[in-house]
Amino acid sequence: MKKKSIKIAVIALCTLLILWCAMFFTDYVRCGSLKEPIFVIAAGETADDGGSGTCRGLGYRVEIEKHIDAEYGVCIDSVEMWMFGRVISASIT
């Protein structure tokens, strides 16, 4: 009975780890391509220039700078992804 409980716990932890890796990798690739990450939540207030600010994911943060263009609307100027106090992905126009 105890082995079955341990096996279920290990499977659940592995499933959660795989889901986190998929979310992290998706946001990592999008930040490197100068796109907004998907799996983040705005931390604090965003600026009135289209949404510049800091967003938080599970274990990482993303800093986005945007501006409003008359012809194209909201444009992203730069995206930086931080983890453990270091930049791990960045894009600048």
N, C-alpha and C. Protein backbone atom coordinates (compact mmCIF):
# COMPACT_ATOMS: atom_id res chain seq x y z
N MET A 1 0.82 -1.19 0.00
CA MET A 1 0.00 0.00 0.00
C MET A 1 0.86 1.26 0.00
N LYS A 2 1.95 1.25 0.77
CA LYS A 2 2.82 2.41 0.85
C LYS A 2 3.55 2.66 -0.47
N LYS A 3 3.93 1.60 -1.17
CA LYS A 3 4.61 1.76 -2.45
C LYS A 3 3.70 2.39 -3.49
N LYS A 4 2.42 2.07 -3.42
CA LYS A 4 1.46 2.65 -4.36
C LYS A 4 1.31 4.16 -4.12
N SER A 5 1.30 4.58 -2.87
CA SER A 5 1.20 6.00 -2.53
C SER A 5 2.43 6.76 -3.00
N ILE A 6 3.59 6.17 -2.81
CA ILE A 6 4.84 6.80 -3.24
C ILE A 6 4.87 6.91 -4.76
N LYS A 7 4.42 5.89 -5.44
CA LYS A 7 4.40 5.89 -6.90
C LYS A 7 3.47 6.99 -7.42
N ILE A 8 2.29 7.14 -6.80
CA ILE A 8 1.36 8.18 -7.21
C ILE A 8 1.95 9.56 -6.96
N ALA A 9 2.63 9.75 -5.84
CA ALA A 9 3.25 11.05 -5.52
C ALA A 9 4.35 11.38 -6.51
N VAL A 10 5.17 10.40 -6.87
CA VAL A 10 6.25 10.63 -7.84
C VAL A 10 5.67 10.97 -9.21
N ILE A 11 4.63 10.29 -9.62
CA ILE A 11 3.99 10.58 -10.91
C ILE A 11 3.40 11.99 -10.91
N ALA A 12 2.77 12.38 -9.81
CA ALA A 12 2.20 13.72 -9.72
C ALA A 12 3.28 14.79 -9.77
N LEU A 13 4.38 14.58 -9.05
CA LEU A 13 5.48 15.55 -9.08
C LEU A 13 6.11 15.64 -10.46
N CYS A 14 6.29 14.52 -11.12
CA CYS A 14 6.85 14.54 -12.48
C CYS A 14 5.93 15.25 -13.46
N THR A 15 4.63 15.04 -13.31
CA THR A 15 3.66 15.72 -14.17
C THR A 15 3.71 17.23 -13.96
N LEU A 16 3.76 17.67 -12.69
CA LEU A 16 3.86 19.09 -12.40
C LEU A 16 5.16 19.69 -12.94
N LEU A 17 6.25 18.97 -12.83
CA LEU A 17 7.54 19.44 -13.34
C LEU A 17 7.50 19.58 -14.86
N ILE A 18 6.90 18.63 -15.53
CA ILE A 18 6.79 18.69 -17.00
C ILE A 18 5.93 19.88 -17.42
N LEU A 19 4.82 20.11 -16.72
CA LEU A 19 3.96 21.26 -17.03
C LEU A 19 4.70 22.57 -16.80
N TRP A 20 5.45 22.68 -15.69
CA TRP A 20 6.21 23.91 -15.42
C TRP A 20 7.25 24.13 -16.51
N CYS A 21 7.95 23.07 -16.91
CA CYS A 21 8.97 23.20 -17.96
C CYS A 21 8.35 23.67 -19.27
N ALA A 22 7.18 23.16 -19.60
CA ALA A 22 6.50 23.57 -20.83
C ALA A 22 6.12 25.05 -20.76
N MET A 23 5.59 25.50 -19.63
CA MET A 23 5.22 26.91 -19.46
C MET A 23 6.45 27.80 -19.52
N PHE A 24 7.51 27.41 -18.82
CA PHE A 24 8.73 28.20 -18.80
C PHE A 24 9.35 28.29 -20.18
N PHE A 25 9.45 27.17 -20.88
CA PHE A 25 10.07 27.16 -22.20
C PHE A 25 9.27 28.00 -23.20
N THR A 26 7.93 27.94 -23.10
CA THR A 26 7.08 28.75 -23.98
C THR A 26 7.36 30.24 -23.76
N ASP A 27 7.38 30.67 -22.50
CA ASP A 27 7.65 32.09 -22.21
C ASP A 27 9.08 32.47 -22.58
N TYR A 28 10.03 31.56 -22.39
CA TYR A 28 11.43 31.82 -22.73
C TYR A 28 11.59 32.08 -24.23
N VAL A 29 10.97 31.25 -25.05
CA VAL A 29 11.05 31.41 -26.50
C VAL A 29 10.36 32.70 -26.93
N ARG A 30 9.19 32.99 -26.35
CA ARG A 30 8.47 34.21 -26.72
C ARG A 30 9.25 35.45 -26.32
N CYS A 31 9.91 35.45 -25.17
CA CYS A 31 10.71 36.61 -24.76
C CYS A 31 11.90 36.79 -25.69
N GLY A 32 12.50 35.71 -26.13
CA GLY A 32 13.61 35.79 -27.06
C GLY A 32 13.20 36.26 -28.44
N SER A 33 11.90 36.15 -28.76
CA SER A 33 11.37 36.56 -30.06
C SER A 33 10.67 37.91 -30.01
N LEU A 34 10.86 38.66 -28.93
CA LEU A 34 10.26 39.98 -28.73
C LEU A 34 8.73 39.93 -28.76
N LYS A 35 8.19 38.92 -28.08
CA LYS A 35 6.74 38.78 -27.93
C LYS A 35 6.41 38.73 -26.44
N GLU A 36 5.16 39.03 -26.12
CA GLU A 36 4.73 38.97 -24.73
C GLU A 36 4.64 37.52 -24.27
N PRO A 37 5.10 37.24 -23.05
CA PRO A 37 4.93 35.88 -22.52
C PRO A 37 3.47 35.60 -22.21
N ILE A 38 3.11 34.34 -22.16
CA ILE A 38 1.72 33.94 -21.97
C ILE A 38 1.43 33.63 -20.50
N PHE A 39 2.33 32.92 -19.83
CA PHE A 39 2.07 32.38 -18.50
C PHE A 39 2.62 33.28 -17.39
N VAL A 40 2.29 34.56 -17.43
CA VAL A 40 2.72 35.51 -16.41
C VAL A 40 1.52 36.35 -15.96
N ILE A 41 1.70 36.95 -14.77
CA ILE A 41 0.68 37.84 -14.22
C ILE A 41 1.36 39.17 -13.91
N ALA A 42 0.69 40.28 -14.22
CA ALA A 42 1.25 41.60 -13.95
C ALA A 42 1.48 41.78 -12.46
N ALA A 43 2.69 42.22 -12.10
CA ALA A 43 3.05 42.47 -10.71
C ALA A 43 3.06 43.97 -10.49
N GLY A 44 2.10 44.47 -9.75
CA GLY A 44 2.02 45.91 -9.54
C GLY A 44 1.25 46.57 -10.66
N GLU A 45 1.47 47.86 -10.80
CA GLU A 45 0.75 48.62 -11.81
C GLU A 45 1.54 48.66 -13.12
N THR A 46 0.79 48.73 -14.21
CA THR A 46 1.42 48.87 -15.52
C THR A 46 1.33 50.32 -15.96
N ALA A 47 2.23 50.74 -16.81
CA ALA A 47 2.27 52.12 -17.27
C ALA A 47 1.17 52.37 -18.30
N ASP A 48 0.91 53.64 -18.56
CA ASP A 48 -0.13 54.02 -19.52
C ASP A 48 0.38 54.02 -20.96
N ASP A 49 1.58 53.53 -21.19
CA ASP A 49 2.15 53.53 -22.53
C ASP A 49 1.90 52.22 -23.28
N GLY A 50 0.86 51.52 -22.91
CA GLY A 50 0.53 50.27 -23.59
C GLY A 50 0.70 49.05 -22.72
N GLY A 51 1.19 49.22 -21.51
CA GLY A 51 1.31 48.09 -20.60
C GLY A 51 2.71 47.76 -20.16
N SER A 52 3.66 48.72 -20.22
CA SER A 52 5.01 48.46 -19.73
C SER A 52 4.95 48.13 -18.25
N GLY A 53 5.83 47.23 -17.82
CA GLY A 53 5.89 46.89 -16.40
C GLY A 53 6.53 45.54 -16.18
N THR A 54 6.40 45.07 -14.96
CA THR A 54 6.97 43.80 -14.55
C THR A 54 5.87 42.77 -14.40
N CYS A 55 6.12 41.57 -14.91
CA CYS A 55 5.19 40.46 -14.78
C CYS A 55 5.91 39.31 -14.08
N ARG A 56 5.16 38.50 -13.37
CA ARG A 56 5.74 37.37 -12.65
C ARG A 56 5.18 36.05 -13.17
N GLY A 57 6.08 35.10 -13.33
CA GLY A 57 5.71 33.74 -13.67
C GLY A 57 6.07 32.85 -12.49
N LEU A 58 6.00 31.55 -12.65
CA LEU A 58 6.36 30.63 -11.58
C LEU A 58 7.87 30.47 -11.51
N GLY A 59 8.53 31.30 -10.70
CA GLY A 59 9.98 31.20 -10.53
C GLY A 59 10.77 32.15 -11.39
N TYR A 60 10.13 33.03 -12.13
CA TYR A 60 10.84 33.98 -12.98
C TYR A 60 10.02 35.25 -13.10
N ARG A 61 10.67 36.32 -13.57
CA ARG A 61 9.94 37.56 -13.82
C ARG A 61 10.33 38.09 -15.20
N VAL A 62 9.41 38.85 -15.77
CA VAL A 62 9.61 39.40 -17.10
C VAL A 62 9.36 40.90 -17.04
N GLU A 63 10.31 41.68 -17.57
CA GLU A 63 10.16 43.13 -17.63
C GLU A 63 9.92 43.51 -19.10
N ILE A 64 8.80 44.20 -19.34
CA ILE A 64 8.38 44.55 -20.70
C ILE A 64 8.31 46.06 -20.82
N GLU A 65 8.88 46.58 -21.90
CA GLU A 65 8.77 48.01 -22.21
C GLU A 65 8.03 48.14 -23.53
N LYS A 66 6.97 48.97 -23.52
CA LYS A 66 6.14 49.16 -24.71
C LYS A 66 5.97 50.65 -24.97
N HIS A 67 5.49 50.95 -26.16
CA HIS A 67 5.08 52.32 -26.49
C HIS A 67 3.88 52.24 -27.43
N ILE A 68 3.17 53.35 -27.51
CA ILE A 68 2.00 53.42 -28.40
C ILE A 68 2.40 54.18 -29.65
N ASP A 69 2.22 53.53 -30.80
CA ASP A 69 2.53 54.12 -32.09
C ASP A 69 1.22 54.50 -32.77
N ALA A 70 1.19 55.65 -33.42
CA ALA A 70 -0.04 56.12 -34.06
C ALA A 70 -0.47 55.19 -35.19
N GLU A 71 0.49 54.61 -35.90
CA GLU A 71 0.16 53.77 -37.05
C GLU A 71 -0.07 52.31 -36.67
N TYR A 72 0.76 51.76 -35.76
CA TYR A 72 0.71 50.33 -35.46
C TYR A 72 0.07 49.99 -34.12
N GLY A 73 -0.25 50.96 -33.30
CA GLY A 73 -0.84 50.68 -31.99
C GLY A 73 0.25 50.41 -30.96
N VAL A 74 0.00 49.46 -30.08
CA VAL A 74 0.96 49.12 -29.02
C VAL A 74 2.11 48.31 -29.61
N CYS A 75 3.34 48.79 -29.39
CA CYS A 75 4.54 48.11 -29.89
C CYS A 75 5.46 47.78 -28.72
N ILE A 76 6.10 46.62 -28.78
CA ILE A 76 7.02 46.20 -27.73
C ILE A 76 8.42 46.68 -28.08
N ASP A 77 9.06 47.39 -27.13
CA ASP A 77 10.43 47.88 -27.32
C ASP A 77 11.46 46.86 -26.83
N SER A 78 11.24 46.30 -25.65
CA SER A 78 12.18 45.32 -25.12
C SER A 78 11.48 44.38 -24.15
N VAL A 79 12.03 43.17 -24.06
CA VAL A 79 11.54 42.15 -23.14
C VAL A 79 12.76 41.51 -22.50
N GLU A 80 12.77 41.45 -21.15
CA GLU A 80 13.85 40.79 -20.42
C GLU A 80 13.24 39.76 -19.48
N MET A 81 13.80 38.56 -19.50
CA MET A 81 13.34 37.50 -18.61
C MET A 81 14.42 37.25 -17.57
N TRP A 82 14.05 37.30 -16.29
CA TRP A 82 14.98 37.16 -15.18
C TRP A 82 14.66 35.91 -14.37
N MET A 83 15.74 35.22 -13.94
CA MET A 83 15.59 34.08 -13.04
C MET A 83 16.83 34.03 -12.15
N PHE A 84 16.63 33.89 -10.86
CA PHE A 84 17.71 33.86 -9.88
C PHE A 84 18.57 35.12 -9.94
N GLY A 85 17.96 36.27 -10.24
CA GLY A 85 18.69 37.53 -10.27
C GLY A 85 19.54 37.76 -11.52
N ARG A 86 19.37 36.93 -12.52
CA ARG A 86 20.14 37.07 -13.76
C ARG A 86 19.23 37.09 -14.97
N VAL A 87 19.65 37.84 -15.99
CA VAL A 87 18.89 37.86 -17.24
C VAL A 87 19.16 36.56 -17.98
N ILE A 88 18.09 35.85 -18.35
CA ILE A 88 18.28 34.60 -19.08
C ILE A 88 17.80 34.70 -20.52
N SER A 89 17.00 35.73 -20.82
CA SER A 89 16.54 35.96 -22.18
C SER A 89 16.20 37.44 -22.33
N ALA A 90 16.59 38.03 -23.44
CA ALA A 90 16.29 39.45 -23.67
C ALA A 90 16.21 39.72 -25.16
N SER A 91 15.34 40.65 -25.50
CA SER A 91 15.20 41.12 -26.88
C SER A 91 14.95 42.61 -26.85
N ILE A 92 15.61 43.32 -27.76
CA ILE A 92 15.45 44.76 -27.86
C ILE A 92 15.29 45.12 -29.33
N THR A 93 14.34 46.05 -29.62
CA THR A 93 14.15 46.45 -31.01
C THR A 93 15.19 47.48 -31.39
